[in-house]
Amino acid sequence: MIAGGWNFVIAAYAVTFGGLAILALVVAIRARQWANRARSLDAKQGAPKS
């Protein structure tokens, strides 16, 4: 198995999950911005509200 390399494995998992968490945060923030932009464009065009 892994002899004495657990520190590397733990660090690799930490970096991976940290990167994924940042990516998820960026996607959530961008989705909110896109939704707000879509609402404002719909309001400008007089689209019916759902």
Protein backbone atom coordinates (compact mmCIF):
# COMPACT_ATOMS: atom_id res chain seq x y z
CA MET A 1 0.00 0.00 0.00
CA ILE A 2 1.40 3.44 0.90
CA ALA A 3 4.44 3.31 3.16
CA GLY A 4 5.01 6.64 4.85
CA GLY A 5 3.18 8.59 2.16
CA TRP A 6 0.00 9.37 4.05
CA ASN A 7 0.95 13.00 4.54
CA PHE A 8 1.07 13.40 0.76
CA VAL A 9 -2.28 11.65 0.32
CA ILE A 10 -3.99 13.77 2.97
CA ALA A 11 -2.54 16.95 1.46
CA ALA A 12 -3.67 15.92 -2.02
CA TYR A 13 -7.22 15.29 -0.79
CA ALA A 14 -7.24 18.62 1.06
CA VAL A 15 -6.13 20.50 -2.06
CA THR A 16 -8.66 18.65 -4.22
CA PHE A 17 -11.61 19.26 -1.91
CA GLY A 18 -10.53 22.85 -1.34
CA GLY A 19 -10.46 23.46 -5.09
CA LEU A 20 -13.84 21.83 -5.56
CA ALA A 21 -15.33 23.94 -2.77
CA ILE A 22 -14.01 27.13 -4.39
CA LEU A 23 -15.35 26.01 -7.76
CA ALA A 24 -18.80 25.30 -6.27
CA LEU A 25 -18.81 28.74 -4.62
CA VAL A 26 -17.89 30.48 -7.88
CA VAL A 27 -20.60 28.59 -9.78
CA ALA A 28 -23.22 29.50 -7.15
CA ILE A 29 -22.27 33.17 -7.22
CA ARG A 30 -22.26 33.28 -11.03
CA ALA A 31 -25.65 31.52 -11.16
CA ARG A 32 -27.14 34.20 -8.90
CA GLN A 33 -25.68 36.92 -11.12
CA TRP A 34 -27.03 35.25 -14.26
CA ALA A 35 -30.49 34.91 -12.69
CA ASN A 36 -30.52 38.58 -11.71
CA ARG A 37 -29.38 39.58 -15.19
CA ALA A 38 -32.08 37.41 -16.80
CA ARG A 39 -34.73 39.00 -14.56
CA SER A 40 -33.62 42.49 -15.49
CA LEU A 41 -33.60 41.65 -19.20
CA ASP A 42 -37.09 40.14 -18.93
CA ALA A 43 -38.33 43.26 -17.15
CA LYS A 44 -36.90 45.46 -19.90
CA GLN A 45 -38.63 43.40 -22.59
CA GLY A 46 -41.93 43.32 -20.73
CA ALA A 47 -42.02 39.56 -20.52
CA PRO A 48 -44.78 38.09 -18.36
CA LYS A 49 -43.65 37.09 -14.86
CA SER A 50 -43.90 33.44 -13.93
